[in-house]
Structure formats: structure tokens, C-alpha cells
Protein backbone atom coordinates (compact mmCIF):
# COMPACT_ATOMS: atom_id res chain seq x y z
CA UNK A 1 76.29 88.84 127.22
CA UNK A 2 75.14 86.95 130.30
CA UNK A 3 75.08 89.31 133.27
CA UNK A 4 73.49 87.14 135.94
CA UNK A 5 73.64 88.02 138.74
CA UNK A 6 73.81 91.74 137.89
CA UNK A 7 73.86 94.81 140.15
CA UNK A 8 70.35 95.66 141.33
CA UNK A 9 70.72 99.45 141.00
CA UNK A 10 68.60 102.12 142.69
CA UNK A 11 65.30 102.87 140.88
CA UNK A 12 64.24 105.75 143.16
CA UNK A 13 67.55 107.56 142.91
CA UNK A 14 67.59 106.95 139.15
CA UNK A 15 64.21 108.65 138.69
CA UNK A 16 65.30 111.56 140.89
CA UNK A 17 68.54 112.01 138.93
CA UNK A 18 66.72 112.04 135.57
CA UNK A 19 64.04 114.44 136.85
CA UNK A 20 66.53 117.00 138.18
CA UNK A 21 68.48 116.91 134.92
CA UNK A 22 65.33 117.52 132.85
CA UNK A 23 64.12 120.37 135.10
CA UNK A 24 67.51 122.07 134.85
CA UNK A 25 67.11 122.30 131.08
CA UNK A 26 63.68 123.92 131.49
CA UNK A 27 64.87 126.52 134.03
CA UNK A 28 67.66 127.71 131.73
CA UNK A 29 65.14 128.63 129.03
CA UNK A 30 62.77 130.17 131.58
CA UNK A 31 65.49 132.44 132.99
CA UNK A 32 66.41 133.89 129.58
CA UNK A 33 62.81 134.42 128.42
CA UNK A 34 61.65 136.07 131.64
CA UNK A 35 64.66 138.41 131.63
CA UNK A 36 63.85 139.52 128.10
CA UNK A 37 60.23 140.13 129.06
CA UNK A 38 61.30 142.16 132.10
CA UNK A 39 63.69 144.40 130.11
CA UNK A 40 61.30 144.99 127.21
CA UNK A 41 58.41 145.63 129.59
CA UNK A 42 60.43 148.19 131.54
CA UNK A 43 61.45 150.05 128.35
CA UNK A 44 57.93 149.99 126.86
CA UNK A 45 56.37 151.22 130.12
CA UNK A 46 54.45 147.98 130.75
CA UNK A 47 54.89 147.77 134.51
CA UNK A 48 52.90 144.55 134.89
CA UNK A 49 54.95 142.72 132.26
CA UNK A 50 58.19 144.03 133.74
CA UNK A 51 57.32 142.96 137.29
CA UNK A 52 56.05 139.55 136.18
CA UNK A 53 59.16 138.97 134.12
CA UNK A 54 61.45 140.03 136.96
CA UNK A 55 59.68 137.75 139.45
CA UNK A 56 59.77 134.89 136.97
CA UNK A 57 63.49 135.41 136.38
CA UNK A 58 64.17 135.45 140.12
CA UNK A 59 62.21 132.23 140.69
CA UNK A 60 63.84 130.52 137.70
CA UNK A 61 67.31 131.56 138.86
CA UNK A 62 66.65 130.29 142.40
CA UNK A 63 65.27 126.99 141.14
CA UNK A 64 68.31 126.60 138.89
CA UNK A 65 70.64 126.97 141.88
CA UNK A 66 68.66 124.49 143.99
CA UNK A 67 68.52 121.96 141.15
CA UNK A 68 72.26 122.24 140.57
CA UNK A 69 73.03 121.26 144.18
CA UNK A 70 70.27 118.65 144.33
CA UNK A 71 71.30 117.05 141.05
CA UNK A 72 74.92 116.80 142.15
CA UNK A 73 74.00 115.25 145.51
CA UNK A 74 71.59 112.74 144.01
CA UNK A 75 74.08 111.78 141.32
CA UNK A 76 76.90 111.30 143.83
CA UNK A 77 74.69 109.16 146.08
CA UNK A 78 73.50 107.07 143.14
CA UNK A 79 77.00 106.45 141.77
CA UNK A 80 78.39 105.55 145.20
CA UNK A 81 75.52 103.22 146.00
CA UNK A 82 75.61 101.23 142.76
CA UNK A 83 79.39 101.13 142.40
CA UNK A 84 80.42 100.32 145.98
CA UNK A 85 77.52 98.15 147.12
CA UNK A 86 76.57 96.43 143.86
CA UNK A 87 79.16 96.47 141.08
CA UNK A 88 82.19 96.00 143.34
CA UNK A 89 80.73 92.80 144.78
CA UNK A 90 79.68 91.71 141.30
CA UNK A 91 83.22 92.05 139.88
CA UNK A 92 84.89 90.29 142.82
CA UNK A 93 82.40 87.42 142.63
CA UNK A 94 83.12 86.99 138.93
CA UNK A 95 86.88 86.80 139.58
CA UNK A 96 86.61 84.53 142.61
CA UNK A 97 84.48 81.94 140.81
CA UNK A 98 86.95 81.37 137.96
CA UNK A 99 88.05 77.73 137.82
CA UNK A 100 91.65 76.63 137.45
CA UNK A 101 94.93 78.51 137.64
CA UNK A 102 95.64 79.23 133.99
CA UNK A 103 94.29 82.77 134.15
CA UNK A 104 96.72 83.85 136.90
CA UNK A 105 99.62 83.30 134.47
CA UNK A 106 98.06 85.26 131.57
CA UNK A 107 99.36 88.81 131.22
CA UNK A 108 96.26 89.94 129.27
CA UNK A 109 94.08 88.77 132.17
CA UNK A 110 96.29 90.33 134.86
CA UNK A 111 96.56 93.65 132.99
CA UNK A 112 92.78 93.98 132.94
CA UNK A 113 92.36 92.85 136.54
CA UNK A 114 94.82 95.59 137.58
CA UNK A 115 92.54 98.17 135.97
CA UNK A 116 89.15 96.68 136.90
CA UNK A 117 89.78 96.12 140.62
CA UNK A 118 89.56 99.86 141.24
CA UNK A 119 87.10 100.55 138.43
CA UNK A 120 83.53 100.19 139.84
CA UNK A 121 83.12 103.87 140.72
CA UNK A 122 84.63 105.00 137.42
CA UNK A 123 82.41 102.67 135.37
CA UNK A 124 79.15 103.82 136.98
CA UNK A 125 80.24 107.45 136.99
CA UNK A 126 81.08 107.14 133.29
CA UNK A 127 77.64 105.75 132.48
CA UNK A 128 75.87 108.56 134.32
CA UNK A 129 78.24 111.07 132.79
CA UNK A 130 76.91 109.91 129.43
CA UNK A 131 73.35 110.63 130.64
CA UNK A 132 74.41 114.06 131.88
CA UNK A 133 76.16 114.72 128.59
CA UNK A 134 72.90 113.93 126.76
CA UNK A 135 70.97 116.46 128.85
CA UNK A 136 73.80 118.89 128.32
CA UNK A 137 73.38 118.54 124.56
CA UNK A 138 69.61 119.10 124.95
CA UNK A 139 70.33 122.24 126.96
CA UNK A 140 72.68 123.41 124.24
CA UNK A 141 69.93 122.88 121.68
CA UNK A 142 67.42 124.91 123.72
CA UNK A 143 69.98 127.70 124.14
CA UNK A 144 70.67 127.83 120.42
CA UNK A 145 66.96 127.95 119.61
CA UNK A 146 66.64 130.99 121.89
CA UNK A 147 69.59 132.62 120.18
CA UNK A 148 67.96 131.87 116.83
CA UNK A 149 64.97 134.01 117.81
CA UNK A 150 67.37 136.97 118.03
CA UNK A 151 69.30 136.28 114.80
CA UNK A 152 69.60 133.16 112.63
CA UNK A 153 73.31 133.86 112.33
CA UNK A 154 73.72 132.98 115.99
CA UNK A 155 72.82 129.36 115.17
CA UNK A 156 76.35 129.07 113.79
CA UNK A 157 77.46 129.03 117.43
CA UNK A 158 76.40 125.36 117.39
CA UNK A 159 79.53 124.54 115.37
CA UNK A 160 81.75 126.48 117.76
CA UNK A 161 79.99 124.95 120.79
CA UNK A 162 80.59 121.44 119.44
CA UNK A 163 84.29 122.09 118.80
CA UNK A 164 85.49 121.67 122.44
CA UNK A 165 83.52 118.43 122.80
CA UNK A 166 84.95 116.89 119.61
CA UNK A 167 88.48 118.08 120.31
CA UNK A 168 88.32 116.83 123.90
CA UNK A 169 87.16 113.41 122.74
CA UNK A 170 90.11 113.19 120.38
CA UNK A 171 92.38 114.17 123.23
CA UNK A 172 91.12 111.38 125.47
CA UNK A 173 92.15 108.63 123.06
CA UNK A 174 95.90 108.78 123.73
CA UNK A 175 95.18 108.79 127.48
CA UNK A 176 93.08 105.62 127.20
CA UNK A 177 95.77 103.90 125.13
CA UNK A 178 98.50 104.94 127.58
CA UNK A 179 96.59 103.52 130.56
CA UNK A 180 96.44 100.06 128.96
CA UNK A 181 99.92 100.12 127.43
CA UNK A 182 101.58 101.02 130.77
CA UNK A 183 99.49 98.68 132.93
CA UNK A 184 102.16 95.94 132.97
CA UNK A 185 104.95 98.38 133.90
CA UNK A 186 102.72 99.89 136.61
CA UNK A 187 102.05 96.44 138.06
CA UNK A 188 105.79 95.63 137.96
CA UNK A 189 106.86 98.79 139.79
CA UNK A 190 104.19 98.24 142.46
CA UNK A 191 105.37 94.66 142.99
CA UNK A 192 109.01 95.77 143.28
CA UNK A 193 108.08 98.58 145.67
CA UNK A 194 106.08 96.23 147.91
CA UNK A 195 108.88 93.67 147.84
CA UNK A 196 111.52 96.21 148.82
CA UNK A 197 109.49 97.81 151.64
CA UNK A 198 107.78 94.86 153.35
CA UNK A 199 109.36 93.33 156.43
CA UNK A 200 109.38 89.73 155.15
CA UNK A 201 111.51 90.08 152.03
CA UNK A 202 113.66 92.85 153.58
CA UNK A 203 115.92 90.35 155.37
CA UNK A 204 116.74 88.40 152.23
CA UNK A 205 117.23 91.60 150.21
CA UNK A 206 119.72 92.91 152.78
CA UNK A 207 121.62 89.62 152.97
CA UNK A 208 121.83 89.38 149.18
CA UNK A 209 122.71 93.05 148.80
CA UNK A 210 119.98 93.45 146.16
CA UNK A 211 118.42 96.62 147.56
CA UNK A 212 120.06 99.02 145.13
CA UNK A 213 119.21 96.87 142.12
CA UNK A 214 115.57 96.52 143.16
CA UNK A 215 115.31 100.28 143.70
CA UNK A 216 116.84 100.90 140.25
CA UNK A 217 114.41 98.54 138.53
CA UNK A 218 111.42 99.97 140.40
CA UNK A 219 112.43 103.51 139.47
CA UNK A 220 112.90 102.51 135.81
CA UNK A 221 109.45 100.90 135.67
CA UNK A 222 107.87 103.94 137.34
CA UNK A 223 109.63 106.31 134.93
CA UNK A 224 108.28 104.29 132.00
CA UNK A 225 104.73 104.62 133.35
CA UNK A 226 105.06 108.31 134.20
CA UNK A 227 106.63 109.24 130.86
CA UNK A 228 104.05 107.36 128.81
CA UNK A 229 101.12 108.89 130.66
CA UNK A 230 102.67 112.39 130.68
CA UNK A 231 103.04 112.33 126.90
CA UNK A 232 99.41 111.27 126.58
CA UNK A 233 98.27 114.08 128.90
CA UNK A 234 100.34 116.60 126.92
CA UNK A 235 98.76 115.53 123.63
CA UNK A 236 95.31 115.72 125.24
CA UNK A 237 96.01 119.28 126.48
CA UNK A 238 96.88 120.42 122.96
CA UNK A 239 93.55 119.08 121.66
CA UNK A 240 91.61 120.81 124.47
CA UNK A 241 93.26 124.21 124.02
CA UNK A 242 92.51 124.09 120.29
CA UNK A 243 88.83 123.36 120.90
CA UNK A 244 88.34 126.13 123.46
CA UNK A 245 90.14 128.63 121.21
CA UNK A 246 87.60 127.99 118.45
CA UNK A 247 84.70 128.32 120.89
CA UNK A 248 85.98 131.63 122.27
CA UNK A 249 86.32 133.08 118.76
CA UNK A 250 82.73 132.11 117.91
CA UNK A 251 81.40 133.43 121.24
CA UNK A 252 82.94 136.88 120.70
CA UNK A 253 81.76 137.04 117.08
CA UNK A 254 78.18 136.13 118.10
CA UNK A 255 77.96 138.91 120.69
CA UNK A 256 79.31 141.39 118.15
CA UNK A 257 76.52 140.43 115.72
CA UNK A 258 73.81 140.99 118.34
CA UNK A 259 75.18 144.37 119.44
CA UNK A 260 75.54 145.61 115.86
CA UNK A 261 72.00 144.44 115.00
CA UNK A 262 70.52 146.26 118.00
CA UNK A 263 72.48 149.42 117.19
CA UNK A 264 70.82 149.47 113.74
CA UNK A 265 67.39 149.27 115.36
CA UNK A 266 66.65 145.68 114.24
CA UNK A 267 66.42 144.37 117.78
CA UNK A 268 65.42 145.34 121.29
CA UNK A 269 67.52 145.76 124.45
CA UNK A 270 65.74 142.66 125.72
CA UNK A 271 67.25 140.72 122.82
CA UNK A 272 70.71 141.85 123.87
CA UNK A 273 70.09 140.73 127.46
CA UNK A 274 68.69 137.40 126.24
CA UNK A 275 71.66 136.86 123.95
CA UNK A 276 74.19 137.68 126.67
CA UNK A 277 72.37 135.50 129.22
CA UNK A 278 72.01 132.55 126.89
CA UNK A 279 75.53 132.93 125.51
CA UNK A 280 76.93 132.97 129.04
CA UNK A 281 74.84 129.92 129.89
CA UNK A 282 75.95 128.35 126.63
CA UNK A 283 79.56 128.58 127.72
CA UNK A 284 78.74 126.90 131.02
CA UNK A 285 76.64 124.28 129.25
CA UNK A 286 79.45 123.49 126.83
CA UNK A 287 81.95 123.31 129.68
CA UNK A 288 79.68 120.92 131.61
CA UNK A 289 79.01 118.86 128.49
CA UNK A 290 82.73 118.68 127.77
CA UNK A 291 83.44 117.61 131.34
CA UNK A 292 80.78 114.91 131.26
CA UNK A 293 81.87 113.77 127.82
CA UNK A 294 85.44 113.63 129.09
CA UNK A 295 84.36 111.42 132.00
CA UNK A 296 82.39 109.21 129.62
CA UNK A 297 85.24 108.79 127.16
CA UNK A 298 87.75 108.31 129.98
CA UNK A 299 85.60 105.51 131.42
CA UNK A 300 86.15 103.54 128.21
CA UNK A 301 89.54 102.50 129.58
CA UNK A 302 87.61 100.87 132.45
CA UNK A 303 84.61 99.58 130.52
CA UNK A 304 86.67 97.72 127.90
CA UNK A 305 88.63 95.63 130.47
CA UNK A 306 85.41 95.05 132.45
CA UNK A 307 83.58 93.72 129.39
CA UNK A 308 86.61 91.63 128.44
CA UNK A 309 86.66 90.01 131.88
CA UNK A 310 82.90 89.47 131.70
CA UNK A 311 83.32 87.63 128.40
CA UNK A 312 86.30 85.67 129.72
CA UNK A 313 84.40 84.56 132.83
CA UNK A 314 81.36 83.59 130.73
CA UNK A 315 83.55 81.50 128.39
CA UNK A 316 85.21 79.76 131.33
CA UNK A 317 81.82 78.92 132.82
CA UNK A 318 80.65 77.57 129.48
CA UNK A 319 83.79 75.41 129.17
CA UNK A 320 83.41 74.01 132.68
CA UNK A 321 79.74 73.19 132.09
CA UNK A 322 80.68 70.93 129.15
CA UNK A 323 82.23 68.35 131.50
CA UNK A 324 80.51 65.56 133.41
CA UNK A 325 78.36 66.92 136.23
CA UNK A 326 79.16 65.50 139.69
CA UNK A 327 76.53 63.22 141.29
CA UNK A 328 74.18 64.59 143.92
CA UNK A 329 75.60 62.11 146.45
CA UNK A 330 78.10 59.24 146.57
CA UNK A 331 76.60 55.79 147.11
CA UNK A 332 79.77 53.72 146.70
CA UNK A 333 83.47 53.98 147.38
CA UNK A 334 86.18 54.97 144.91
CA UNK A 335 87.27 52.13 142.61
CA UNK A 336 90.76 51.97 141.09
CA UNK A 337 90.91 50.14 137.74
CA UNK A 338 94.02 49.31 135.70
CA UNK A 339 96.28 51.20 138.09
CA UNK A 340 99.93 50.17 138.04
């Protein structure tokens, strides 16, 4: 699809955002491994190993906290810069350069314009949420590999960790459908509200005695929007609760396996600490991955109308380019032939 001119982006901020995400994955593994070394060293009487592990864990934990704040700030700055300064102008230019008036009477065009006009931030945030979700999956993989060094049975937590993500994605589908299906009713209620509250039309409404009828129609349109979107949110909540219930069951079962294994003498106290640390981090990683995946899936309701408008604008430009190009300059007057 032709995207010229496209948003320029921010290369420096992009590199910084990717670097902080990658370093966060590394610090999670470093924290768990250094804690295990510190505990095992203390129990075995290896003071040097214990001190080194404790210092390493402290540094890794501090770096993790700094990276969390830095990553969030860089990501917010990047999304704001590209969406507000680049993509917003890009969308408005595309709409303003459409030829003719046919599109302003098409409901499919107006429905998508209603969504896309406030969509630049959501589109860019959704794209970067997909990047964050990828790093979240990598972090989950590293966490599960660490758990696998304690017991291969703990690798089954991968299935339970993936459950909230899959269930949440299923729950976002009715929300996306509801946004599009209620767009026309939302536009109608906004138009009626503006008409009934602006000073210009107020005089005619009062003279005609149409205020009550306009208020009734606006309320009916708003109720249609609210009810449709509430039902979608309710269905999404059921999916999410189901996913987190499965994850909680797997989390508890995994910790029970580690404790029982250590009680039999097949593991060390450091393994218990590693398992608890990684399992706790795993929960946070899954929660972050679910949140980012939710943002990514939710942005589909914005990306689809944006791509549709991009294709529509490109087709209109192609149609207009098929006509006769105007001359560079006029050298003669206008001639009327066979005019009655």
C-alpha cells in the first residue's frame, strides 16, 4: 500500500526503547541466578560466593527498577511524538486531499472517520504494545528455562502462563466488534446532543417545541451504544477471569512441586528461592504480557479503519489521476462550442 508521505518516526527513541526492553529481560534472569548463588553459598559456608551473589542480586534488582521507569518514560515519549506530531498530521492530510463530495454521504466512510480521528495515539501505542508483548514472551521463556533447571515439571507452567493471554485475546474480539457496530449510533447521539445544546439551533428547537423529542432520541441512541458496549465488556470479563483462574491453579501447583522436591532432599534451599523468585516474576511477566497483548488486540479496532481509509484514499487518487491533466498555463481564452 502506498504510504507516501509517511510519518518520519523517531530513530533515537526507537533504539532506546528496544534497548531498555532487552536489558530488562537480562536483569530478570540475573536476579534469580544471583539469589540462588547467595543462598546456596551461605548454607555451604562459602562466604565469597554468598557475598558476590548478594551484591549481584542487589545490583540486578536496582537496575531492574531503573529500567522499568526508563522504559516507560521512553515509550511514552516515543508514542506521543510519533502519534501527535507525525501520524495525526498524516491522517488529516489524507482526509483533506480527497476529491469530490461522494465520500461525505457514505456511512462506511463516516463510521471509520469517527473512529480514526481520535486514533493516532492508540494506533502507535498498539504497535509498540506488540513489541513489548514480544519481549514479554521472551522474558517468559527465560523464566521457564530457569524453572526447568529446578524441575522439568515446572515447564508445564508455560501452558498455564499462556492461558490468560489466549483468553484475553478471545475476550477482546466482542469489544472490537461492538466499537464498529455502535459507531453510527454514537455519531447520531453526539450530533443530537450538539444540536440540542448549541445556541444556534436552540431558538428553532424552542419555537418548534422539539426539545423533548430530540432529548428522547439522543437518549435512545446513547442507550443503544452503552448497552452494546457493556455486553461486550461483560463477555470480555468472563474470558479474563477464566484465564487467570487457570494460571493461579498452575502457579500454586508448581510451588507445591518445588517444596515437596526440596523436602525429599532432591533440591537445595537456593532452588526454592529461585523458584519462588522466578514464579513471582512470571506472574508479573504474564500480567504485563497480557496487558500489552490487550492493547495490541484492542488497537485492531483502530488499525482496520485506518488501513481502510488509506486504501480508499489511494483508490481515489488513482481514479483522479486517470483523467486529463490540466495544462501548466493557459495561453488562450475559453471557447464555447455547440452551446445552446
